[in-house]
Amino acid sequence: MNCEPCRFGGRPVTDAEAREMLIKIPAWRRETRKGVKRLLCEFSFIGFDDAFEFSGRIADLAREQDHHPTMLVEYGKVTIRWWTHKINGLHMNDFIMAAKTDDIFREMAEVRN
């Protein structure tokens, strides 16, 4: 599944829709910052190199889908937040990108093991 173009004034997901979709991405949680709902997940790594590689793969995905997160890369951890700026909240695209982020994390874990 790919992201669809989102326009200003587009429809954010409802709270009920968000709860239903969060079941499929259990590592993620909703947060509200400055009145804007977002998806948040922290990913743990052994060191900086894996964290940096992961963030690069997420950046590639973001360019491919034209939907961009906020990322914080630290030693052994990457924090990612998805939300849709044009609607100042959560859109279906954010849940799609969260699931794709999880897929990349799983792929990297399989390679390491």
Protein backbone atom coordinates (compact mmCIF):
# COMPACT_ATOMS: atom_id res chain seq x y z
CA MET A 1 0.00 0.00 0.00
CA ASN A 2 1.29 3.46 -0.88
CA CYS A 3 0.53 6.95 0.33
CA GLU A 4 -2.03 9.01 -1.51
CA PRO A 5 -1.61 12.73 -2.14
CA CYS A 6 -3.07 14.71 0.73
CA ARG A 7 -4.51 18.18 0.31
CA PHE A 8 -5.00 21.05 2.71
CA GLY A 9 -8.39 20.58 4.33
CA GLY A 10 -8.26 16.80 3.83
CA ARG A 11 -10.03 14.56 6.31
CA PRO A 12 -8.01 13.38 9.31
CA VAL A 13 -8.70 9.90 10.63
CA THR A 14 -11.23 9.73 13.43
CA ASP A 15 -10.25 8.56 16.92
CA ALA A 16 -12.14 5.30 16.30
CA GLU A 17 -10.29 4.73 13.00
CA ALA A 18 -6.97 5.49 14.68
CA ARG A 19 -7.64 3.00 17.50
CA GLU A 20 -8.51 0.32 14.94
CA MET A 21 -5.38 0.95 12.86
CA LEU A 22 -3.10 1.07 15.92
CA ILE A 23 -3.96 -2.58 16.56
CA LYS A 24 -2.01 -3.41 13.39
CA ILE A 25 1.05 -1.41 14.52
CA PRO A 26 1.24 -2.18 18.27
CA ALA A 27 4.69 -0.65 18.88
CA TRP A 28 3.33 2.78 17.93
CA ARG A 29 1.41 5.15 20.16
CA ARG A 30 -0.47 8.37 19.63
CA GLU A 31 0.71 11.59 21.18
CA THR A 32 -0.53 15.14 20.99
CA ARG A 33 2.04 17.94 20.75
CA LYS A 34 0.96 21.55 20.47
CA GLY A 35 -2.57 20.34 19.75
CA VAL A 36 -1.48 18.10 16.85
CA LYS A 37 -2.02 14.32 16.96
CA ARG A 38 0.99 12.27 15.86
CA LEU A 39 2.23 8.68 15.78
CA LEU A 40 5.39 7.97 17.78
CA CYS A 41 7.69 4.97 18.03
CA GLU A 42 11.18 4.44 19.44
CA PHE A 43 13.42 1.84 17.80
CA SER A 44 16.39 0.36 19.68
CA PHE A 45 19.72 -0.63 18.14
CA ILE A 46 23.06 -1.98 19.37
CA GLY A 47 24.98 1.15 18.42
CA PHE A 48 25.01 4.26 16.30
CA ASP A 49 25.80 2.65 12.92
CA ASP A 50 22.60 0.57 12.80
CA ALA A 51 20.53 3.52 14.03
CA PHE A 52 22.04 5.72 11.33
CA GLU A 53 21.45 3.09 8.61
CA PHE A 54 17.82 2.72 9.73
CA SER A 55 17.26 6.48 9.58
CA GLY A 56 18.73 6.53 6.07
CA ARG A 57 16.36 3.81 4.94
CA ILE A 58 13.42 5.73 6.43
CA ALA A 59 14.61 8.87 4.60
CA ASP A 60 14.66 6.90 1.32
CA LEU A 61 11.14 5.64 2.01
CA ALA A 62 9.95 9.17 2.81
CA ARG A 63 11.31 10.50 -0.49
CA GLU A 64 9.75 7.59 -2.39
CA GLN A 65 6.32 8.13 -0.80
CA ASP A 66 6.59 11.96 -0.59
CA HIS A 67 5.64 11.82 3.09
CA HIS A 68 8.24 12.85 5.66
CA PRO A 69 8.61 12.16 9.39
CA THR A 70 10.44 13.81 12.21
CA MET A 71 13.40 11.63 13.21
CA LEU A 72 15.76 11.83 16.16
CA VAL A 73 18.85 9.64 15.81
CA GLU A 74 20.76 8.86 18.99
CA TYR A 75 23.30 6.25 20.01
CA GLY A 76 21.29 3.01 20.02
CA LYS A 77 17.91 4.63 19.38
CA VAL A 78 15.83 6.29 16.65
CA THR A 79 12.58 8.08 17.51
CA ILE A 80 10.16 8.60 14.63
CA ARG A 81 7.02 10.70 14.52
CA TRP A 82 4.55 10.59 11.64
CA TRP A 83 1.76 13.11 11.07
CA THR A 84 0.37 15.02 8.13
CA HIS A 85 1.28 18.69 8.11
CA LYS A 86 -1.36 19.67 5.55
CA ILE A 87 -4.19 18.61 7.86
CA ASN A 88 -2.34 19.22 11.12
CA GLY A 89 -3.10 15.72 12.36
CA LEU A 90 -3.25 12.05 11.47
CA HIS A 91 -4.11 10.79 7.99
CA MET A 92 -4.23 7.24 6.66
CA ASN A 93 -0.80 7.94 5.12
CA ASP A 94 0.74 8.15 8.60
CA PHE A 95 -0.43 4.65 9.47
CA ILE A 96 0.82 3.33 6.12
CA MET A 97 4.22 4.86 6.78
CA ALA A 98 4.33 3.54 10.34
CA ALA A 99 3.70 0.02 9.02
CA LYS A 100 6.38 0.47 6.34
CA THR A 101 8.78 1.72 9.05
CA ASP A 102 8.10 -1.45 11.06
CA ASP A 103 8.81 -3.54 7.94
CA ILE A 104 12.22 -1.90 7.51
CA PHE A 105 13.05 -2.44 11.19
CA ARG A 106 12.10 -6.14 10.91
CA GLU A 107 14.17 -6.55 7.73
CA MET A 108 17.21 -5.07 9.45
CA ALA A 109 16.69 -7.31 12.50
CA GLU A 110 16.52 -10.42 10.28
CA VAL A 111 19.80 -9.49 8.59
CA ARG A 112 21.52 -8.96 11.96
CA ASN A 113 20.36 -12.34 13.31
